C-alpha cells in the first residue's frame, strides 16, 4: 500500500479500538472531519479503511460462529482415526 493507505489503516485500527472501548461511533466522523480539513484524499482513505476493518470484524464473527457450528455437527473421532 501507499503511504496514504498505510496511515489511514493505522488510524482506522486505532479509532476502532477507541470505539470498541467507548461505544462512541461518532468518533469516526470527528476524526474524518479533522483529516478532511487538510486532505480530502486522506479522509476518503480513512473512511474506506474503517469500513473495511468493520466488515472484517463482522466476517470474522460469522466465520467463528460457522466454524463452531460445524465442529458441533461433526461426529466424534473414533478409535480407528488414531
Protein backbone atom coordinates (compact mmCIF):
# COMPACT_ATOMS: atom_id res chain seq x y z
CA UNK A 1 0.00 0.00 0.00
CA UNK A 2 0.99 3.62 -0.36
CA UNK A 3 1.62 5.99 2.49
CA UNK A 4 -1.94 7.37 2.43
CA UNK A 5 -3.47 3.91 2.73
CA UNK A 6 -0.95 2.82 5.37
CA UNK A 7 -1.59 5.83 7.57
CA UNK A 8 -5.35 5.64 7.02
CA UNK A 9 -5.38 1.96 8.03
CA UNK A 10 -3.35 2.69 11.17
CA UNK A 11 -5.75 5.49 12.11
CA UNK A 12 -8.73 3.24 11.40
CA UNK A 13 -7.39 0.50 13.66
CA UNK A 14 -6.72 2.96 16.48
CA UNK A 15 -10.14 4.54 16.01
CA UNK A 16 -11.93 1.19 16.13
CA UNK A 17 -10.14 0.32 19.38
CA UNK A 18 -11.39 3.58 20.89
CA UNK A 19 -14.91 2.99 19.56
CA UNK A 20 -14.93 -0.55 20.97
CA UNK A 21 -13.87 0.82 24.35
CA UNK A 22 -16.20 3.82 24.44
CA UNK A 23 -19.11 2.92 22.16
CA UNK A 24 -18.80 6.35 20.55
CA UNK A 25 -19.49 5.71 16.84
CA UNK A 26 -19.39 9.47 16.20
CA UNK A 27 -15.65 9.30 16.83
CA UNK A 28 -15.04 8.16 13.24
CA UNK A 29 -16.70 11.24 11.82
CA UNK A 30 -14.81 13.53 14.21
CA UNK A 31 -11.50 12.11 13.00
CA UNK A 32 -12.64 12.18 9.36
CA UNK A 33 -13.66 15.83 9.65
CA UNK A 34 -10.30 16.69 11.16
CA UNK A 35 -8.41 14.84 8.43
CA UNK A 36 -10.64 16.27 5.70
CA UNK A 37 -9.68 19.79 6.69
CA UNK A 38 -6.17 19.05 5.42
CA UNK A 39 -6.60 16.26 2.88
CA UNK A 40 -9.76 15.01 1.23
CA UNK A 41 -7.80 12.07 -0.18
CA UNK A 42 -6.71 11.04 3.31
CA UNK A 43 -10.24 11.46 4.65
CA UNK A 44 -11.62 9.14 1.97
CA UNK A 45 -8.87 6.58 2.58
CA UNK A 46 -9.56 6.69 6.33
CA UNK A 47 -13.30 6.19 5.90
CA UNK A 48 -12.65 3.34 3.48
CA UNK A 49 -10.23 1.71 5.92
CA UNK A 50 -12.80 1.98 8.73
CA UNK A 51 -15.47 0.33 6.53
CA UNK A 52 -13.07 -2.43 5.50
CA UNK A 53 -11.97 -3.12 9.09
CA UNK A 54 -15.58 -3.16 10.33
CA UNK A 55 -16.50 -5.58 7.55
CA UNK A 56 -13.53 -7.72 8.54
CA UNK A 57 -14.70 -7.78 12.17
CA UNK A 58 -18.20 -8.85 11.15
CA UNK A 59 -16.84 -11.51 8.80
CA UNK A 60 -14.58 -12.95 11.50
CA UNK A 61 -17.53 -13.23 13.89
CA UNK A 62 -19.57 -15.08 11.26
CA UNK A 63 -16.64 -17.37 10.42
CA UNK A 64 -16.12 -18.19 14.10
CA UNK A 65 -19.83 -18.99 14.50
CA UNK A 66 -19.87 -21.18 11.40
CA UNK A 67 -16.73 -22.99 12.49
CA UNK A 68 -18.22 -23.66 15.93
CA UNK A 69 -21.46 -24.91 14.37
CA UNK A 70 -19.53 -27.20 12.04
CA UNK A 71 -17.49 -28.60 14.92
CA UNK A 72 -20.69 -29.42 16.80
CA UNK A 73 -22.18 -31.27 13.82
CA UNK A 74 -19.12 -33.42 13.13
CA UNK A 75 -19.14 -36.91 14.59
CA UNK A 76 -16.66 -37.51 17.41
CA UNK A 77 -13.38 -39.07 16.32
CA UNK A 78 -13.37 -42.86 16.55
CA UNK A 79 -10.61 -45.07 17.83
CA UNK A 80 -9.87 -46.07 14.23
CA UNK A 81 -8.81 -42.46 13.44
CA UNK A 82 -5.77 -42.71 15.76
